[in-house]
Amino acid sequence: MFKYVMNNFSKEISLQDVAGITNLSPQSFCRFFKNRTKKSFVQFLNEVRIGHACKRLTEEDWSIAEIAYSCGFKNLSNFNRFFKEIVGKTPKEYKNELRIKED
């Protein structure tokens, strides 16, 4: 299941998809996942996507919107909200700090 997420985070991943991979119902999968990781599957998926977004912000000169969509987010406001929640700053602040460190 982790391998599936890492290979497909940029696409839409439904709870049905990952539950099917583990041969569990969506409810059972959610309960199992939360017991093992102490976080919801959606939270885990967003953390994986934001991690890749951070990597792309450091390595590529794409716009923030391009990076958000390439990491599987469907809209920019959700990307910005989750990014700030997980990283503690907006993607723009993160990108600007990287430029300052490079100088």
N, C-alpha and C. Protein backbone atom coordinates (compact mmCIF):
# COMPACT_ATOMS: atom_id res chain seq x y z
N MET A 1 0.82 -1.18 0.00
CA MET A 1 0.00 0.00 0.00
C MET A 1 0.87 1.25 0.00
N PHE A 2 1.96 1.27 0.79
CA PHE A 2 2.86 2.43 0.80
C PHE A 2 3.52 2.61 -0.57
N LYS A 3 3.91 1.50 -1.16
CA LYS A 3 4.52 1.55 -2.49
C LYS A 3 3.52 2.12 -3.50
N TYR A 4 2.27 1.70 -3.40
CA TYR A 4 1.23 2.21 -4.29
C TYR A 4 1.11 3.73 -4.14
N VAL A 5 1.09 4.22 -2.91
CA VAL A 5 0.96 5.66 -2.67
C VAL A 5 2.17 6.39 -3.24
N MET A 6 3.36 5.88 -3.00
CA MET A 6 4.56 6.55 -3.50
C MET A 6 4.62 6.58 -5.03
N ASN A 7 4.08 5.57 -5.67
CA ASN A 7 4.08 5.52 -7.13
C ASN A 7 2.93 6.30 -7.76
N ASN A 8 1.90 6.60 -6.98
CA ASN A 8 0.70 7.20 -7.55
C ASN A 8 0.23 8.48 -6.85
N PHE A 9 1.04 9.07 -5.98
CA PHE A 9 0.60 10.24 -5.22
C PHE A 9 0.18 11.40 -6.12
N SER A 10 0.71 11.47 -7.33
CA SER A 10 0.38 12.59 -8.22
C SER A 10 -0.97 12.41 -8.91
N LYS A 11 -1.56 11.25 -8.75
CA LYS A 11 -2.87 10.96 -9.33
C LYS A 11 -3.92 10.97 -8.24
N GLU A 12 -5.15 10.88 -8.64
CA GLU A 12 -6.22 10.77 -7.65
C GLU A 12 -6.18 9.37 -7.04
N ILE A 13 -6.13 9.32 -5.73
CA ILE A 13 -6.13 8.05 -5.01
C ILE A 13 -7.35 8.05 -4.10
N SER A 14 -8.21 7.09 -4.32
CA SER A 14 -9.41 7.03 -3.48
C SER A 14 -9.20 6.03 -2.35
N LEU A 15 -9.98 6.21 -1.34
CA LEU A 15 -9.95 5.28 -0.21
C LEU A 15 -10.35 3.88 -0.68
N GLN A 16 -11.26 3.81 -1.62
CA GLN A 16 -11.66 2.52 -2.20
C GLN A 16 -10.47 1.81 -2.82
N ASP A 17 -9.62 2.57 -3.53
CA ASP A 17 -8.44 2.00 -4.19
C ASP A 17 -7.50 1.34 -3.18
N VAL A 18 -7.12 2.10 -2.16
CA VAL A 18 -6.15 1.55 -1.20
C VAL A 18 -6.77 0.48 -0.32
N ALA A 19 -8.04 0.61 -0.01
CA ALA A 19 -8.71 -0.44 0.76
C ALA A 19 -8.74 -1.74 -0.04
N GLY A 20 -8.99 -1.61 -1.34
CA GLY A 20 -9.00 -2.79 -2.21
C GLY A 20 -7.66 -3.48 -2.28
N ILE A 21 -6.58 -2.71 -2.28
CA ILE A 21 -5.23 -3.28 -2.31
C ILE A 21 -4.96 -4.11 -1.07
N THR A 22 -5.50 -3.67 0.06
CA THR A 22 -5.27 -4.38 1.31
C THR A 22 -6.35 -5.42 1.62
N ASN A 23 -7.30 -5.56 0.71
CA ASN A 23 -8.41 -6.50 0.89
C ASN A 23 -9.24 -6.21 2.15
N LEU A 24 -9.41 -4.93 2.45
CA LEU A 24 -10.23 -4.51 3.58
C LEU A 24 -11.33 -3.59 3.08
N SER A 25 -12.37 -3.48 3.86
CA SER A 25 -13.39 -2.49 3.53
C SER A 25 -12.78 -1.11 3.83
N PRO A 26 -13.30 -0.05 3.22
CA PRO A 26 -12.76 1.29 3.51
C PRO A 26 -12.78 1.62 5.00
N GLN A 27 -13.83 1.25 5.71
CA GLN A 27 -13.91 1.53 7.14
C GLN A 27 -12.85 0.76 7.92
N SER A 28 -12.69 -0.51 7.59
CA SER A 28 -11.68 -1.32 8.26
C SER A 28 -10.28 -0.83 7.96
N PHE A 29 -10.05 -0.45 6.71
CA PHE A 29 -8.74 0.08 6.34
C PHE A 29 -8.43 1.36 7.12
N CYS A 30 -9.39 2.28 7.22
CA CYS A 30 -9.18 3.53 7.97
C CYS A 30 -8.83 3.25 9.42
N ARG A 31 -9.56 2.35 10.02
CA ARG A 31 -9.31 1.99 11.42
C ARG A 31 -7.92 1.37 11.58
N PHE A 32 -7.59 0.42 10.71
CA PHE A 32 -6.29 -0.23 10.74
C PHE A 32 -5.16 0.78 10.54
N PHE A 33 -5.30 1.64 9.55
CA PHE A 33 -4.26 2.61 9.22
C PHE A 33 -4.04 3.58 10.39
N LYS A 34 -5.13 4.06 10.96
CA LYS A 34 -5.03 5.01 12.07
C LYS A 34 -4.39 4.35 13.30
N ASN A 35 -4.74 3.11 13.57
CA ASN A 35 -4.13 2.40 14.70
C ASN A 35 -2.63 2.21 14.52
N ARG A 36 -2.20 1.97 13.30
CA ARG A 36 -0.77 1.71 13.04
C ARG A 36 0.05 2.99 12.94
N THR A 37 -0.51 4.04 12.35
CA THR A 37 0.29 5.23 12.05
C THR A 37 -0.05 6.44 12.92
N LYS A 38 -1.15 6.37 13.65
CA LYS A 38 -1.64 7.49 14.47
C LYS A 38 -2.06 8.69 13.63
N LYS A 39 -2.36 8.46 12.35
CA LYS A 39 -2.87 9.52 11.48
C LYS A 39 -3.81 8.90 10.46
N SER A 40 -4.67 9.72 9.91
CA SER A 40 -5.60 9.21 8.91
C SER A 40 -4.86 8.98 7.59
N PHE A 41 -5.46 8.18 6.73
CA PHE A 41 -4.84 7.93 5.43
C PHE A 41 -4.74 9.22 4.63
N VAL A 42 -5.76 10.04 4.67
CA VAL A 42 -5.76 11.30 3.92
C VAL A 42 -4.64 12.21 4.43
N GLN A 43 -4.43 12.25 5.73
CA GLN A 43 -3.34 13.05 6.29
C GLN A 43 -2.00 12.52 5.79
N PHE A 44 -1.83 11.20 5.81
CA PHE A 44 -0.60 10.59 5.31
C PHE A 44 -0.38 10.93 3.84
N LEU A 45 -1.42 10.80 3.02
CA LEU A 45 -1.31 11.09 1.60
C LEU A 45 -0.93 12.55 1.38
N ASN A 46 -1.54 13.46 2.12
CA ASN A 46 -1.20 14.88 1.99
C ASN A 46 0.24 15.15 2.42
N GLU A 47 0.73 14.47 3.44
CA GLU A 47 2.11 14.63 3.86
C GLU A 47 3.09 14.15 2.79
N VAL A 48 2.76 13.04 2.14
CA VAL A 48 3.60 12.54 1.04
C VAL A 48 3.62 13.57 -0.09
N ARG A 49 2.45 14.08 -0.45
CA ARG A 49 2.37 15.06 -1.53
C ARG A 49 3.12 16.34 -1.19
N ILE A 50 2.99 16.83 0.02
CA ILE A 50 3.68 18.05 0.43
C ILE A 50 5.19 17.81 0.48
N GLY A 51 5.61 16.64 0.90
CA GLY A 51 7.04 16.30 0.89
C GLY A 51 7.62 16.38 -0.51
N HIS A 52 6.90 15.87 -1.48
CA HIS A 52 7.36 15.94 -2.87
C HIS A 52 7.31 17.37 -3.38
N ALA A 53 6.32 18.14 -2.94
CA ALA A 53 6.24 19.55 -3.33
C ALA A 53 7.45 20.31 -2.81
N CYS A 54 7.85 20.04 -1.57
CA CYS A 54 9.04 20.69 -1.00
C CYS A 54 10.28 20.36 -1.83
N LYS A 55 10.39 19.11 -2.20
CA LYS A 55 11.54 18.68 -3.02
C LYS A 55 11.53 19.41 -4.36
N ARG A 56 10.36 19.52 -4.97
CA ARG A 56 10.28 20.20 -6.26
C ARG A 56 10.52 21.70 -6.12
N LEU A 57 10.11 22.28 -5.02
CA LEU A 57 10.37 23.71 -4.80
C LEU A 57 11.87 23.97 -4.68
N THR A 58 12.62 23.00 -4.17
CA THR A 58 14.06 23.18 -4.02
C THR A 58 14.82 22.86 -5.31
N GLU A 59 14.28 21.96 -6.12
CA GLU A 59 15.03 21.48 -7.28
C GLU A 59 14.58 22.05 -8.62
N GLU A 60 13.36 22.50 -8.72
CA GLU A 60 12.83 22.90 -10.02
C GLU A 60 12.34 24.34 -9.98
N ASP A 61 12.38 24.98 -11.10
CA ASP A 61 11.94 26.37 -11.18
C ASP A 61 10.53 26.44 -11.78
N TRP A 62 9.62 25.66 -11.22
CA TRP A 62 8.23 25.68 -11.64
C TRP A 62 7.47 26.67 -10.78
N SER A 63 6.31 27.06 -11.27
CA SER A 63 5.45 27.91 -10.45
C SER A 63 4.85 27.06 -9.32
N ILE A 64 4.39 27.71 -8.29
CA ILE A 64 3.78 27.00 -7.17
C ILE A 64 2.56 26.22 -7.64
N ALA A 65 1.77 26.81 -8.53
CA ALA A 65 0.58 26.12 -9.04
C ALA A 65 0.97 24.86 -9.81
N GLU A 66 1.99 24.94 -10.65
CA GLU A 66 2.44 23.77 -11.40
C GLU A 66 2.87 22.65 -10.45
N ILE A 67 3.58 23.02 -9.42
CA ILE A 67 4.03 22.02 -8.44
C ILE A 67 2.85 21.41 -7.71
N ALA A 68 1.90 22.25 -7.30
CA ALA A 68 0.71 21.75 -6.59
C ALA A 68 -0.03 20.71 -7.43
N TYR A 69 -0.29 21.04 -8.69
CA TYR A 69 -1.03 20.11 -9.55
C TYR A 69 -0.22 18.86 -9.87
N SER A 70 1.10 19.00 -10.01
CA SER A 70 1.93 17.84 -10.32
C SER A 70 2.05 16.89 -9.14
N CYS A 71 1.75 17.39 -7.92
CA CYS A 71 1.81 16.55 -6.72
C CYS A 71 0.46 15.97 -6.34
N GLY A 72 -0.54 16.16 -7.18
CA GLY A 72 -1.82 15.51 -6.95
C GLY A 72 -2.90 16.37 -6.33
N PHE A 73 -2.62 17.63 -6.09
CA PHE A 73 -3.66 18.50 -5.53
C PHE A 73 -4.55 19.00 -6.66
N LYS A 74 -5.85 19.05 -6.39
CA LYS A 74 -6.81 19.45 -7.40
C LYS A 74 -7.03 20.95 -7.46
N ASN A 75 -6.73 21.66 -6.36
CA ASN A 75 -6.84 23.12 -6.40
C ASN A 75 -5.77 23.75 -5.52
N LEU A 76 -5.43 24.96 -5.87
CA LEU A 76 -4.32 25.66 -5.24
C LEU A 76 -4.60 26.04 -3.79
N SER A 77 -5.84 26.37 -3.48
CA SER A 77 -6.14 26.78 -2.09
C SER A 77 -5.95 25.61 -1.12
N ASN A 78 -6.35 24.40 -1.51
CA ASN A 78 -6.11 23.23 -0.66
C ASN A 78 -4.61 22.97 -0.50
N PHE A 79 -3.89 23.10 -1.59
CA PHE A 79 -2.44 22.91 -1.52
C PHE A 79 -1.82 23.89 -0.54
N ASN A 80 -2.16 25.17 -0.67
CA ASN A 80 -1.60 26.19 0.22
C ASN A 80 -1.96 25.93 1.68
N ARG A 81 -3.20 25.54 1.92
CA ARG A 81 -3.66 25.27 3.29
C ARG A 81 -2.90 24.09 3.90
N PHE A 82 -2.83 22.97 3.17
CA PHE A 82 -2.12 21.80 3.69
C PHE A 82 -0.62 22.06 3.81
N PHE A 83 -0.05 22.80 2.87
CA PHE A 83 1.38 23.11 2.93
C PHE A 83 1.69 23.88 4.21
N LYS A 84 0.90 24.91 4.48
CA LYS A 84 1.14 25.72 5.68
C LYS A 84 0.91 24.90 6.95
N GLU A 85 -0.10 24.04 6.92
CA GLU A 85 -0.39 23.18 8.08
C GLU A 85 0.77 22.24 8.38
N ILE A 86 1.37 21.68 7.35
CA ILE A 86 2.41 20.67 7.52
C ILE A 86 3.80 21.29 7.68
N VAL A 87 4.11 22.29 6.87
CA VAL A 87 5.46 22.88 6.86
C VAL A 87 5.57 24.06 7.83
N GLY A 88 4.47 24.74 8.07
CA GLY A 88 4.50 25.88 8.99
C GLY A 88 4.67 27.21 8.30
N LYS A 89 4.70 27.20 6.97
CA LYS A 89 4.79 28.44 6.19
C LYS A 89 4.14 28.20 4.84
N THR A 90 3.84 29.25 4.14
CA THR A 90 3.23 29.10 2.81
C THR A 90 4.28 28.63 1.81
N PRO A 91 3.83 28.06 0.69
CA PRO A 91 4.80 27.65 -0.34
C PRO A 91 5.65 28.83 -0.83
N LYS A 92 5.04 30.00 -0.93
CA LYS A 92 5.78 31.18 -1.39
C LYS A 92 6.87 31.56 -0.38
N GLU A 93 6.52 31.55 0.92
CA GLU A 93 7.52 31.84 1.96
C GLU A 93 8.65 30.81 1.91
N TYR A 94 8.29 29.55 1.75
CA TYR A 94 9.27 28.46 1.67
C TYR A 94 10.22 28.68 0.49
N LYS A 95 9.64 28.99 -0.66
CA LYS A 95 10.44 29.20 -1.87
C LYS A 95 11.34 30.43 -1.72
N ASN A 96 10.82 31.51 -1.12
CA ASN A 96 11.63 32.72 -0.91
C ASN A 96 12.78 32.46 0.04
N GLU A 97 12.55 31.69 1.09
CA GLU A 97 13.63 31.35 2.03
C GLU A 97 14.72 30.55 1.35
N LEU A 98 14.34 29.67 0.42
CA LEU A 98 15.33 28.90 -0.33
C LEU A 98 16.21 29.82 -1.18
N ARG A 99 15.59 30.81 -1.79
CA ARG A 99 16.36 31.75 -2.63
C ARG A 99 17.32 32.57 -1.78
N ILE A 100 16.91 32.97 -0.58
CA ILE A 100 17.77 33.75 0.30
C ILE A 100 18.97 32.92 0.72
N LYS A 101 18.75 31.64 1.03
CA LYS A 101 19.84 30.76 1.45
C LYS A 101 20.84 30.52 0.33
N GLU A 102 20.35 30.53 -0.92
CA GLU A 102 21.24 30.30 -2.07
C GLU A 102 22.16 31.49 -2.32
N ASP A 103 21.71 32.68 -1.96
CA ASP A 103 22.50 33.90 -2.23
C ASP A 103 23.65 34.08 -1.30
